[in-house]
Amino acid sequence: MTARVARAIAQAEMRFGTVRESRSYEESFARLLDSRLFLPNSPTLMNAGTSSGQLSACFVLPVHDSLEEIFDALRSMALIQRTGGGTGFSFSELRPGGDPIVSTGGEASGPLSFLRVFNCATEEVKQGGRRRGANIGILRVDHPDILDFIRVKTDGTSLRNFNLSVSISDDFMTAVRNRADFALVNPRTHATTAKVRAAEIFDAIVDAIWTCGDPGLSFRDAINRANPLPELGEIEATNPCGEVPLLPFESCTLGSIDLARFVDQNSGPPQINWPELRRTIHLAVRFLDDAIEVNRFPISAVETITRANRKIGLGVMGFAAMLIRLGVSYDSDEAVHLASHVARFIEQHAIAASAELSEQRGVFPNWQHSIDRHWGLRLRNATRTAIAPTGTLSIIAGTTPSIEPLFALAYRRTGILGGQTMTEVNPAFVDYAERHGLESAIPQVLERGTLTGVNVPEDVRSLFATALEIPIDRQLQIQQAFQRFTDNAVSKTINLQSEATREAIEHAIWRAWELGLKGVTLFRFGSRSSQVIELGTGTRCEADRCV
């Protein structure tokens, strides 16, 4: 696989250099992927060097307020999803349910009815022939149908192929804080249809998240304050996991660096190998820019704006594993400091790599419309960094996903790779336990999934703290530390214990907004009847025997 991918991506080098340079970078890319220091997003791994050749993970498609345009978007979604891409939509332009349709004399069915159409279509289209499509549906908080949208997934069965997100404005959050009324606005007429208590909408969001984990929140003003191309329009939607806010028809190619592999443990105290990390960043940025060059886009409109803006998203995985190797607890100020340091380092060198490419290949075509022009930064890519969830990539790399803490030390992951169940035991814990004479704890961890109730020293318990044991505020601090130095956004799930209250969710939303995050996803463990990850491996241990 790595040979195929490296060969396909290196073809881009021939457009800017020679056959010799192309072969040299093919070897460099192959070594990079073989080492698993860096891996590109799943569509690149699946499609590079194949007849498909579609390499982007993230797409945003506009949904305008006419039947023709709605079904144009549906067609585009199907074409993208069959090649492995995920699609994001803002349904905010669609007139509310009950609104008159002049051409027929009838009434509009509203955004939710078309969300269901998109959801049903996704059932029949597997991404790249390998997996079902991923979507996100976004609706502005001032849309007249917002309360129905917020509550639609609380039944546990609706819209299973969609993540949902409410597009929240600063004005709305201020209205909630001031216990003020908030205007709902018809997007067709721009007239106020009703005024409701902002707190009523906010409480509905909190209750829905507590019940089923949806919707997430997208902080529209924070996203657009960081929009690198404001002259081209406002950003209304993101990709399915929220890490890449995109303009209509934009796509983005992602890749992630495994931070754990840069911890040098060979001599003296463990430390990060910064020179090797720098070299990897520069090569990864070149890889992702080459991927845009050789990409075969499924829709011409996507190709036009993607090549004009050349957005890439270099991110990370293995952050929790890196902390463990360094002997640092995720729930510590030192972890937050390290997150900031690493994110700043990656940002600085991603910018430097993009600047070097601009000297060789030119700036991205829409550079004259970008904020980079005002800062005098000549760059090849409108964005360089994004923190993706890396669910599949982290399994391939054998590391922890994204910037997430350990979910558990032993767990079952269900519904993956065609419905299989994968049992996983954290190798870092097993290695640590064997090296420190804690083998007796391993059977209990297999059964319970965490160190809760296991007799181990407190520093070990702290080092291997899992997501449900780490306070909400600490998880948000880590997310903010990365967001401060990330062009796009950070996809992170704030996991809460099943006993978490609605007040805890309310607190998390306020803190996320106050910290300037671009979005937040909250999930209360056990709130869905079926969930992907379950604690423990299903192993039951009695005495010295585990079955």
Protein backbone atom coordinates (compact mmCIF):
# COMPACT_ATOMS: atom_id res chain seq x y z
CA MET A 1 0.00 0.00 0.00
CA THR A 2 2.68 2.50 0.97
CA ALA A 3 4.60 1.82 -2.26
CA ARG A 4 1.46 2.42 -4.32
CA VAL A 5 0.60 5.64 -2.49
CA ALA A 6 4.15 7.02 -2.56
CA ARG A 7 4.49 6.33 -6.28
CA ALA A 8 1.19 8.06 -7.09
CA ILE A 9 1.83 11.17 -4.97
CA ALA A 10 5.41 11.60 -6.24
CA GLN A 11 4.08 11.94 -9.80
CA ALA A 12 3.33 15.56 -8.88
CA GLU A 13 7.06 16.25 -8.58
CA MET A 14 7.48 15.74 -12.32
CA ARG A 15 5.28 18.78 -12.94
CA PHE A 16 7.71 20.99 -11.05
CA GLY A 17 11.03 19.18 -11.45
CA THR A 18 12.53 16.16 -13.14
CA VAL A 19 12.04 12.42 -13.30
CA ARG A 20 15.02 12.05 -10.99
CA GLU A 21 13.41 14.30 -8.36
CA SER A 22 10.16 12.40 -8.70
CA ARG A 23 11.91 9.11 -7.98
CA SER A 24 13.79 10.64 -5.07
CA TYR A 25 10.57 11.87 -3.45
CA GLU A 26 8.85 8.57 -4.16
CA GLU A 27 11.53 6.92 -2.02
CA SER A 28 11.24 9.62 0.65
CA PHE A 29 7.44 9.35 0.77
CA ALA A 30 7.62 5.54 0.95
CA ARG A 31 10.04 5.68 3.89
CA LEU A 32 7.82 8.25 5.60
CA LEU A 33 4.71 6.08 5.30
CA ASP A 34 6.52 2.83 6.10
CA SER A 35 7.85 4.37 9.31
CA ARG A 36 4.30 5.49 10.20
CA LEU A 37 5.73 8.81 11.35
CA PHE A 38 3.01 10.27 9.10
CA LEU A 39 -0.06 8.89 7.36
CA PRO A 40 -2.44 10.67 4.96
CA ASN A 41 -6.23 10.50 5.26
CA SER A 42 -8.04 7.27 4.40
CA PRO A 43 -9.14 8.23 0.85
CA THR A 44 -5.50 8.78 -0.09
CA LEU A 45 -4.55 5.36 1.29
CA MET A 46 -7.51 3.75 -0.50
CA ASN A 47 -7.40 5.57 -3.83
CA ALA A 48 -3.90 6.84 -4.65
CA GLY A 49 -2.59 4.93 -7.66
CA THR A 50 -6.00 3.37 -8.43
CA SER A 51 -8.59 4.11 -11.09
CA SER A 52 -10.44 6.35 -8.62
CA GLY A 53 -7.58 8.66 -7.68
CA GLN A 54 -9.78 10.77 -5.36
CA LEU A 55 -7.58 11.74 -2.41
CA SER A 56 -9.52 14.27 -0.32
CA ALA A 57 -11.28 13.42 2.93
CA CYS A 58 -13.33 16.57 3.48
CA PHE A 59 -15.93 18.32 1.35
CA VAL A 60 -18.57 20.99 1.92
CA LEU A 61 -21.48 21.25 -0.51
CA PRO A 62 -23.94 24.16 -0.68
CA VAL A 63 -27.66 23.48 -0.32
CA HIS A 64 -29.68 26.31 -1.84
CA ASP A 65 -33.41 26.92 -1.54
CA SER A 66 -34.83 25.31 -4.67
CA LEU A 67 -35.72 21.72 -5.46
CA GLU A 68 -33.27 21.64 -8.36
CA GLU A 69 -30.36 22.86 -6.24
CA ILE A 70 -31.21 20.56 -3.34
CA PHE A 71 -31.05 17.51 -5.58
CA ASP A 72 -27.92 18.80 -7.31
CA ALA A 73 -26.33 18.71 -3.85
CA LEU A 74 -27.66 15.19 -3.31
CA ARG A 75 -26.11 14.02 -6.59
CA SER A 76 -22.78 15.64 -5.69
CA MET A 77 -22.88 13.94 -2.28
CA ALA A 78 -23.28 10.52 -3.88
CA LEU A 79 -20.40 11.11 -6.31
CA ILE A 80 -18.12 12.20 -3.46
CA GLN A 81 -19.08 9.47 -1.02
CA ARG A 82 -18.53 6.64 -3.46
CA THR A 83 -14.87 7.72 -3.62
CA GLY A 84 -14.42 7.82 0.16
CA GLY A 85 -15.01 11.51 0.92
CA GLY A 86 -17.12 12.87 3.76
CA THR A 87 -19.60 15.67 3.15
CA GLY A 88 -20.76 18.65 5.17
CA PHE A 89 -23.89 20.70 4.53
CA SER A 90 -25.50 23.82 5.91
CA PHE A 91 -29.26 23.53 5.52
CA SER A 92 -29.74 27.07 6.82
CA GLU A 93 -30.81 28.56 3.47
CA LEU A 94 -33.83 26.26 3.22
CA ARG A 95 -37.14 27.89 4.05
CA PRO A 96 -38.86 26.57 7.18
CA GLY A 97 -41.59 23.97 7.22
CA GLY A 98 -44.99 25.44 6.33
CA ASP A 99 -43.53 28.34 4.36
CA PRO A 100 -45.46 28.99 1.13
CA ILE A 101 -44.17 27.81 -2.26
CA VAL A 102 -45.36 30.34 -4.81
CA SER A 103 -44.77 28.16 -7.88
CA THR A 104 -47.05 25.36 -6.67
CA GLY A 105 -49.26 27.00 -4.07
CA GLY A 106 -48.11 24.38 -1.59
CA GLU A 107 -46.07 24.54 1.61
CA ALA A 108 -42.37 23.84 2.14
CA SER A 109 -41.51 20.71 4.08
CA GLY A 110 -38.48 22.32 5.74
CA PRO A 111 -34.82 21.35 6.24
CA LEU A 112 -35.52 18.21 8.28
CA SER A 113 -37.44 16.52 5.49
CA PHE A 114 -34.51 16.98 3.11
CA LEU A 115 -32.04 15.88 5.76
CA ARG A 116 -33.96 12.60 5.81
CA VAL A 117 -33.67 12.32 2.02
CA PHE A 118 -29.90 12.82 2.21
CA ASN A 119 -29.70 10.32 5.07
CA CYS A 120 -31.58 7.66 3.08
CA ALA A 121 -29.37 8.19 0.03
CA THR A 122 -26.28 7.71 2.17
CA GLU A 123 -27.60 4.30 3.25
CA GLU A 124 -27.17 3.13 -0.33
CA VAL A 125 -23.76 4.65 -1.08
CA LYS A 126 -20.71 3.09 0.52
CA GLN A 127 -17.62 5.28 0.63
CA GLY A 128 -15.12 3.97 -1.89
CA GLY A 129 -17.08 0.72 -1.92
CA ARG A 130 -15.71 0.07 1.55
CA ARG A 131 -17.67 2.02 4.14
CA ARG A 132 -20.90 3.96 4.51
CA GLY A 133 -20.75 7.70 3.93
CA ALA A 134 -20.18 10.27 6.65
CA ASN A 135 -22.13 13.54 6.80
CA ILE A 136 -22.71 16.53 8.97
CA GLY A 137 -25.85 18.64 8.79
CA ILE A 138 -25.63 22.17 10.19
CA LEU A 139 -28.44 24.61 10.93
CA ARG A 140 -28.16 28.18 12.18
CA VAL A 141 -29.48 28.77 15.67
CA ASP A 142 -31.81 31.51 14.36
CA HIS A 143 -33.60 29.24 11.85
CA PRO A 144 -37.33 28.88 12.61
CA ASP A 145 -37.04 25.05 12.62
CA ILE A 146 -34.13 24.98 15.04
CA LEU A 147 -35.93 23.29 17.96
CA ASP A 148 -37.08 20.40 15.76
CA PHE A 149 -33.55 20.09 14.41
CA ILE A 150 -32.05 19.98 17.91
CA ARG A 151 -34.39 17.21 19.05
CA VAL A 152 -34.56 15.06 15.92
CA LYS A 153 -31.99 12.45 17.01
CA THR A 154 -33.21 12.05 20.59
CA ASP A 155 -35.42 9.14 19.47
CA GLY A 156 -32.26 7.07 18.97
CA THR A 157 -33.12 5.99 15.42
CA SER A 158 -33.29 9.06 13.18
CA LEU A 159 -30.55 10.33 10.85
CA ARG A 160 -27.98 7.69 11.75
CA ASN A 161 -25.77 8.70 8.83
CA PHE A 162 -25.51 12.30 9.99
CA ASN A 163 -23.73 14.13 12.71
CA LEU A 164 -25.71 17.26 13.54
CA SER A 165 -24.36 20.62 14.62
CA VAL A 166 -26.02 23.87 15.59
CA SER A 167 -24.32 26.95 14.17
CA ILE A 168 -24.08 29.17 17.24
CA SER A 169 -23.45 32.93 17.12
CA ASP A 170 -21.91 35.14 19.79
CA ASP A 171 -25.16 37.13 19.81
CA PHE A 172 -27.07 34.00 20.77
CA MET A 173 -24.71 33.14 23.63
CA THR A 174 -24.95 36.73 24.88
CA ALA A 175 -28.75 36.53 24.73
CA VAL A 176 -28.68 33.33 26.78
CA ARG A 177 -26.41 34.95 29.36
CA ASN A 178 -28.67 38.03 29.57
CA ARG A 179 -31.85 35.91 29.70
CA ALA A 180 -33.05 37.80 26.65
CA ASP A 181 -35.35 36.93 23.76
CA PHE A 182 -33.84 35.77 20.49
CA ALA A 183 -35.25 36.31 17.00
CA LEU A 184 -35.90 33.41 14.63
CA VAL A 185 -35.51 34.54 11.03
CA ASN A 186 -36.99 33.11 7.81
CA PRO A 187 -33.97 32.68 5.47
CA ARG A 188 -36.18 33.27 2.40
CA THR A 189 -37.74 36.57 3.46
CA HIS A 190 -35.21 37.60 6.16
CA ALA A 191 -38.21 38.50 8.31
CA THR A 192 -38.48 37.63 11.99
CA THR A 193 -41.00 34.81 12.39
CA ALA A 194 -40.92 34.63 16.18
CA LYS A 195 -39.06 35.68 19.27
CA VAL A 196 -38.28 33.00 21.80
CA ARG A 197 -36.29 32.90 25.00
CA ALA A 198 -32.69 32.19 24.04
CA ALA A 199 -32.47 30.03 27.16
CA GLU A 200 -35.24 27.77 25.79
CA ILE A 201 -33.10 26.91 22.76
CA PHE A 202 -29.98 26.53 24.90
CA ASP A 203 -31.76 24.20 27.34
CA ALA A 204 -33.03 22.12 24.42
CA ILE A 205 -29.46 21.76 23.14
CA VAL A 206 -28.21 20.69 26.57
CA ASP A 207 -31.03 18.17 26.98
CA ALA A 208 -30.48 16.66 23.52
CA ILE A 209 -26.73 16.29 24.10
CA TRP A 210 -27.40 14.62 27.46
CA THR A 211 -29.88 12.26 25.81
CA CYS A 212 -27.99 11.19 22.67
CA GLY A 213 -24.76 13.15 22.15
CA ASP A 214 -26.20 15.23 19.29
CA PRO A 215 -26.09 18.00 18.24
CA GLY A 216 -22.56 19.28 18.44
CA LEU A 217 -21.95 23.01 18.44
CA SER A 218 -20.20 25.03 15.74
CA PHE A 219 -19.18 28.51 16.91
CA ARG A 220 -19.74 30.46 13.70
CA ASP A 221 -18.12 33.74 14.73
CA ALA A 222 -14.93 32.09 15.99
CA ILE A 223 -14.68 30.18 12.71
CA ASN A 224 -15.11 33.26 10.57
CA ARG A 225 -12.73 35.38 12.61
CA ALA A 226 -10.09 32.88 11.46
CA ASN A 227 -11.38 32.57 7.88
CA PRO A 228 -8.27 32.91 5.68
CA LEU A 229 -10.35 34.00 2.67
CA PRO A 230 -13.05 36.38 3.96
CA GLU A 231 -13.35 38.09 0.56
CA LEU A 232 -14.69 34.82 -0.87
CA GLY A 233 -17.53 34.62 1.65
CA GLU A 234 -18.50 33.42 5.11
CA ILE A 235 -17.95 29.85 6.20
CA GLU A 236 -21.23 28.12 7.05
CA ALA A 237 -20.27 24.45 7.30
CA THR A 238 -17.51 22.00 8.14
CA ASN A 239 -16.55 18.47 7.18
CA PRO A 240 -18.31 15.62 9.08
CA CYS A 241 -16.07 15.71 12.16
CA GLY A 242 -15.75 19.46 12.34
CA GLU A 243 -11.98 19.88 11.96
CA VAL A 244 -12.10 21.68 8.59
CA PRO A 245 -14.44 24.66 8.11
CA LEU A 246 -14.84 25.08 4.36
CA LEU A 247 -16.39 27.41 1.81
CA PRO A 248 -18.98 25.94 -0.61
CA PHE A 249 -17.47 23.22 -2.84
CA GLU A 250 -14.09 23.33 -1.08
CA SER A 251 -12.28 20.13 -0.22
CA CYS A 252 -9.25 19.46 1.93
CA THR A 253 -6.62 16.75 2.05
CA LEU A 254 -5.48 15.74 5.53
CA GLY A 255 -2.63 13.84 7.11
CA SER A 256 -1.44 13.18 10.65
CA ILE A 257 1.90 12.86 12.40
CA ASP A 258 2.25 10.21 15.12
CA LEU A 259 3.72 12.24 17.98
CA ALA A 260 4.52 9.16 20.05
CA ARG A 261 7.16 8.08 17.53
CA PHE A 262 9.17 11.25 18.18
CA VAL A 263 9.86 10.46 21.83
CA ASP A 264 13.48 9.44 22.21
CA GLN A 265 13.81 6.87 25.01
CA ASN A 266 17.19 5.46 24.06
CA SER A 267 19.50 7.56 26.26
CA GLY A 268 18.74 9.47 29.41
CA PRO A 269 15.30 10.83 30.30
CA PRO A 270 12.76 10.55 27.48
CA GLN A 271 12.48 13.66 25.33
CA ILE A 272 10.97 14.82 22.04
CA ASN A 273 13.20 14.60 18.98
CA TRP A 274 12.47 18.08 17.64
CA PRO A 275 14.83 17.94 14.59
CA GLU A 276 13.19 14.74 13.36
CA LEU A 277 9.74 16.23 13.93
CA ARG A 278 10.75 19.31 11.91
CA ARG A 279 11.96 17.16 8.98
CA THR A 280 8.74 15.16 9.05
CA ILE A 281 6.56 18.30 9.02
CA HIS A 282 8.33 19.68 5.95
CA LEU A 283 8.05 16.39 4.05
CA ALA A 284 4.41 15.90 5.08
CA VAL A 285 3.42 19.38 3.88
CA ARG A 286 5.07 18.63 0.51
CA PHE A 287 3.24 15.29 0.37
CA LEU A 288 -0.14 16.94 0.99
CA ASP A 289 0.48 19.69 -1.58
CA ASP A 290 1.49 17.01 -4.10
CA ALA A 291 -1.74 15.17 -3.29
CA ILE A 292 -3.76 18.19 -4.43
CA GLU A 293 -1.74 18.23 -7.65
CA VAL A 294 -2.47 14.61 -8.62
CA ASN A 295 -5.98 14.45 -7.14
CA ARG A 296 -8.84 13.40 -9.41
CA PHE A 297 -11.78 15.42 -8.20
CA PRO A 298 -15.30 13.98 -8.54
CA ILE A 299 -16.91 17.36 -9.37
CA SER A 300 -15.52 20.20 -11.48
CA ALA A 301 -16.69 22.92 -9.06
CA VAL A 302 -14.75 21.19 -6.27
CA GLU A 303 -11.63 20.99 -8.40
CA THR A 304 -11.77 24.69 -9.30
CA ILE A 305 -11.93 26.12 -5.78
CA THR A 306 -9.72 23.44 -4.21
CA ARG A 307 -6.91 24.15 -6.64
CA ALA A 308 -7.45 27.90 -6.17
CA ASN A 309 -7.10 27.71 -2.36
CA ARG A 310 -4.98 24.57 -1.95
CA LYS A 311 -6.07 23.93 1.63
CA ILE A 312 -4.29 21.14 3.47
CA GLY A 313 -4.66 19.97 7.06
CA LEU A 314 -1.61 18.54 8.77
CA GLY A 315 -2.56 17.19 12.18
CA VAL A 316 -1.45 14.77 14.86
CA MET A 317 -2.24 11.46 16.48
CA GLY A 318 -0.58 9.72 19.39
CA PHE A 319 -0.65 12.73 21.73
CA ALA A 320 -1.74 10.63 24.72
CA ALA A 321 0.82 7.96 23.87
CA MET A 322 3.50 10.66 23.66
CA LEU A 323 2.58 11.90 27.14
CA ILE A 324 2.79 8.37 28.55
CA ARG A 325 6.23 7.85 27.05
CA LEU A 326 7.32 11.16 28.54
CA GLY A 327 5.86 10.19 31.93
CA VAL A 328 3.36 13.10 31.89
CA SER A 329 -0.26 12.76 33.01
CA TYR A 330 -2.87 14.01 30.53
CA ASP A 331 -4.60 15.63 33.51
CA SER A 332 -1.79 18.08 34.30
CA ASP A 333 -0.63 21.61 33.57
CA GLU A 334 2.48 20.12 32.02
CA ALA A 335 0.34 18.31 29.44
CA VAL A 336 -1.36 21.59 28.49
CA HIS A 337 2.04 23.27 28.17
CA LEU A 338 3.34 20.44 25.97
CA ALA A 339 0.21 20.63 23.80
CA SER A 340 0.84 24.33 23.19
CA HIS A 341 4.53 23.78 22.51
CA VAL A 342 3.94 20.96 20.03
CA ALA A 343 1.08 22.76 18.25
CA ARG A 344 3.12 25.98 17.93
CA PHE A 345 6.11 24.02 16.59
CA ILE A 346 4.00 22.25 13.97
CA GLU A 347 2.30 25.49 12.92
CA GLN A 348 5.58 27.38 12.55
CA HIS A 349 7.22 24.70 10.45
CA ALA A 350 4.10 24.01 8.37
CA ILE A 351 4.09 27.72 7.48
CA ALA A 352 7.80 27.57 6.67
CA ALA A 353 7.30 24.50 4.48
CA SER A 354 4.39 26.14 2.65
CA ALA A 355 6.47 29.29 2.13
CA GLU A 356 9.30 27.24 0.62
CA LEU A 357 6.86 25.56 -1.75
CA SER A 358 5.47 28.95 -2.79
CA GLU A 359 8.97 29.99 -3.85
CA GLN A 360 9.27 26.88 -6.01
CA ARG A 361 5.69 26.57 -7.28
CA GLY A 362 3.98 29.90 -6.66
CA VAL A 363 1.38 31.03 -4.12
CA PHE A 364 -2.11 29.57 -4.15
CA PRO A 365 -4.15 31.32 -6.90
CA ASN A 366 -6.59 33.06 -4.52
CA TRP A 367 -3.72 34.41 -2.43
CA GLN A 368 -4.61 37.98 -3.44
CA HIS A 369 -7.98 37.54 -1.67
CA SER A 370 -6.46 36.12 1.52
CA ILE A 371 -5.42 37.49 4.87
CA ASP A 372 -1.91 36.18 4.10
CA ARG A 373 -1.52 38.93 1.51
CA HIS A 374 -2.20 41.59 4.16
CA TRP A 375 0.47 40.02 6.39
CA GLY A 376 2.94 39.75 3.53
CA LEU A 377 3.07 35.95 3.82
CA ARG A 378 3.59 34.27 0.46
CA LEU A 379 2.29 30.74 0.99
CA ARG A 380 1.40 27.77 -1.18
CA ASN A 381 -1.62 26.76 0.92
CA ALA A 382 -4.48 28.84 2.36
CA THR A 383 -4.50 26.57 5.43
CA ARG A 384 -1.83 24.20 6.65
CA THR A 385 -3.03 22.51 9.85
CA ALA A 386 -6.10 20.69 11.20
CA ILE A 387 -6.60 18.20 14.03
CA ALA A 388 -8.65 15.28 12.68
CA PRO A 389 -10.03 12.37 14.77
CA THR A 390 -7.70 9.80 13.07
CA GLY A 391 -9.91 6.85 14.00
CA THR A 392 -8.69 4.57 11.20
CA LEU A 393 -5.19 6.05 10.93
CA SER A 394 -4.41 5.55 14.61
CA ILE A 395 -5.32 1.86 14.30
CA ILE A 396 -2.97 1.51 11.33
CA ALA A 397 -0.24 3.42 13.16
CA GLY A 398 -0.76 1.49 16.39
CA THR A 399 -1.16 4.63 18.46
CA THR A 400 -3.77 6.68 20.31
CA PRO A 401 -6.23 8.72 18.22
CA SER A 402 -5.71 12.41 17.60
CA ILE A 403 -5.27 14.46 20.80
CA GLU A 404 -7.74 12.32 22.73
CA PRO A 405 -6.83 10.82 26.10
CA LEU A 406 -6.87 7.06 26.41
CA PHE A 407 -10.49 6.03 26.16
CA ALA A 408 -9.76 2.85 28.08
CA LEU A 409 -6.87 0.50 28.75
CA ALA A 410 -8.88 -2.37 27.30
CA TYR A 411 -12.01 -2.11 25.17
CA ARG A 412 -14.11 -3.50 22.34
CA ARG A 413 -14.55 -1.42 19.20
CA THR A 414 -17.66 -2.53 17.30
CA GLY A 415 -19.14 -1.82 13.89
CA ILE A 416 -15.82 -1.27 12.07
CA LEU A 417 -14.44 -2.73 8.84
CA GLY A 418 -17.71 -4.25 7.72
CA GLY A 419 -19.28 -4.73 11.14
CA GLN A 420 -16.42 -6.53 12.87
CA THR A 421 -15.60 -6.24 16.56
CA MET A 422 -12.00 -5.43 17.46
CA THR A 423 -10.64 -6.11 20.94
CA GLU A 424 -7.83 -3.79 21.97
CA VAL A 425 -5.53 -3.71 24.97
CA ASN A 426 -3.32 -0.66 25.34
CA PRO A 427 0.23 -1.87 24.60
CA ALA A 428 1.81 1.04 26.48
CA PHE A 429 0.12 -0.10 29.70
CA VAL A 430 1.04 -3.76 29.19
CA ASP A 431 4.67 -2.80 28.54
CA TYR A 432 4.73 -0.48 31.56
CA ALA A 433 3.13 -3.11 33.81
CA GLU A 434 5.65 -5.77 32.78
CA ARG A 435 8.62 -3.44 33.26
CA HIS A 436 7.46 -2.27 36.69
CA GLY A 437 6.29 -5.57 38.15
CA LEU A 438 2.57 -4.83 37.85
CA GLU A 439 1.60 -7.89 35.80
CA SER A 440 -1.01 -8.81 38.41
CA ALA A 441 -3.02 -5.74 37.39
CA ILE A 442 -3.39 -6.85 33.76
CA PRO A 443 -6.24 -9.39 34.26
CA GLN A 444 -8.27 -6.84 36.21
CA VAL A 445 -7.72 -4.25 33.47
CA LEU A 446 -8.90 -6.73 30.84
CA GLU A 447 -12.14 -7.13 32.77
CA ARG A 448 -12.75 -3.54 33.84
CA GLY A 449 -11.09 -1.53 31.08
CA THR A 450 -9.51 0.98 33.47
CA LEU A 451 -7.45 1.07 36.66
CA THR A 452 -10.52 1.96 38.73
CA GLY A 453 -10.56 -0.36 41.71
CA VAL A 454 -7.15 -1.85 40.78
CA ASN A 455 -4.39 -1.79 43.38
CA VAL A 456 -1.62 0.23 41.70
CA PRO A 457 0.44 3.25 42.84
CA GLU A 458 -1.24 6.65 42.47
CA ASP A 459 1.31 7.93 39.93
CA VAL A 460 0.53 4.95 37.69
CA ARG A 461 -3.20 5.62 38.02
CA SER A 462 -2.60 9.26 37.07
CA LEU A 463 -0.37 8.40 34.09
CA PHE A 464 -2.95 6.01 32.68
CA ALA A 465 -6.06 8.05 33.48
CA THR A 466 -8.77 7.52 30.87
CA ALA A 467 -11.16 9.90 29.17
CA LEU A 468 -14.04 9.33 31.59
CA GLU A 469 -11.70 10.07 34.52
CA ILE A 470 -10.27 13.34 33.17
CA PRO A 471 -12.18 16.51 34.12
CA ILE A 472 -14.09 18.39 31.43
CA ASP A 473 -12.09 21.56 31.97
CA ARG A 474 -8.78 19.76 31.45
CA GLN A 475 -9.97 18.22 28.18
CA LEU A 476 -11.11 21.65 26.98
CA GLN A 477 -7.76 23.18 27.96
CA ILE A 478 -5.95 20.62 25.81
CA GLN A 479 -8.31 21.34 22.91
CA GLN A 480 -7.73 25.08 23.28
CA ALA A 481 -3.95 24.61 23.44
CA PHE A 482 -4.02 22.94 20.02
CA GLN A 483 -6.68 25.27 18.58
CA ARG A 484 -4.60 28.38 19.29
CA PHE A 485 -2.00 27.14 16.81
CA THR A 486 -4.21 25.39 14.25
CA ASP A 487 -5.41 27.07 11.04
CA ASN A 488 -8.54 25.02 10.65
CA ALA A 489 -10.21 23.46 13.69
CA VAL A 490 -9.80 20.68 16.23
CA SER A 491 -12.00 17.61 16.24
CA LYS A 492 -12.22 16.35 19.79
CA THR A 493 -14.90 14.58 21.79
CA ILE A 494 -15.34 15.60 25.41
CA ASN A 495 -16.32 12.31 27.01
CA LEU A 496 -18.44 12.43 30.15
CA GLN A 497 -19.33 9.69 32.60
CA SER A 498 -22.80 8.20 32.32
CA GLU A 499 -23.69 9.89 35.63
CA ALA A 500 -22.86 13.35 34.24
CA THR A 501 -25.61 15.92 34.78
CA ARG A 502 -27.12 18.40 32.38
CA GLU A 503 -25.38 21.10 34.41
CA ALA A 504 -22.02 19.53 33.51
CA ILE A 505 -22.89 19.72 29.82
CA GLU A 506 -24.04 23.32 30.21
CA HIS A 507 -20.75 24.18 31.92
CA ALA A 508 -18.76 22.54 29.10
CA ILE A 509 -20.57 24.57 26.43
CA TRP A 510 -19.92 27.84 28.21
CA ARG A 511 -16.26 27.03 28.77
CA ALA A 512 -15.79 25.98 25.12
CA TRP A 513 -17.24 29.30 23.94
CA GLU A 514 -15.27 31.34 26.45
CA LEU A 515 -12.03 29.59 25.43
CA GLY A 516 -12.58 30.63 21.82
CA LEU A 517 -12.97 27.11 20.43
CA LYS A 518 -14.45 26.73 16.95
CA GLY A 519 -16.69 23.88 18.01
CA VAL A 520 -17.37 21.33 20.71
CA THR A 521 -18.66 17.76 20.75
CA LEU A 522 -19.88 16.23 24.01
CA PHE A 523 -20.76 12.60 24.61
CA ARG A 524 -22.15 11.10 27.80
CA PHE A 525 -21.05 7.47 27.99
CA GLY A 526 -23.97 5.09 27.59
CA SER A 527 -26.36 7.73 26.24
CA ARG A 528 -26.88 5.75 23.05
CA SER A 529 -28.31 2.25 22.92
CA SER A 530 -25.49 1.24 20.57
CA GLN A 531 -22.08 2.87 20.72
CA VAL A 532 -18.82 2.11 18.98
CA ILE A 533 -16.59 1.56 22.03
CA GLU A 534 -17.35 -0.49 25.15
CA LEU A 535 -15.16 -0.68 28.26
CA GLY A 536 -13.30 -3.94 28.86
CA THR A 537 -12.65 -6.75 26.42
CA GLY A 538 -15.47 -8.98 27.53
CA THR A 539 -12.93 -11.05 29.46
CA ARG A 540 -14.04 -12.28 32.89
CA CYS A 541 -11.28 -13.05 35.37
CA GLU A 542 -11.53 -15.32 38.41
CA ALA A 543 -8.47 -16.13 40.48
CA ASP A 544 -5.68 -16.60 37.91
CA ARG A 545 -7.95 -17.60 35.06
CA CYS A 546 -9.47 -15.24 32.47
CA VAL A 547 -12.16 -16.37 30.01
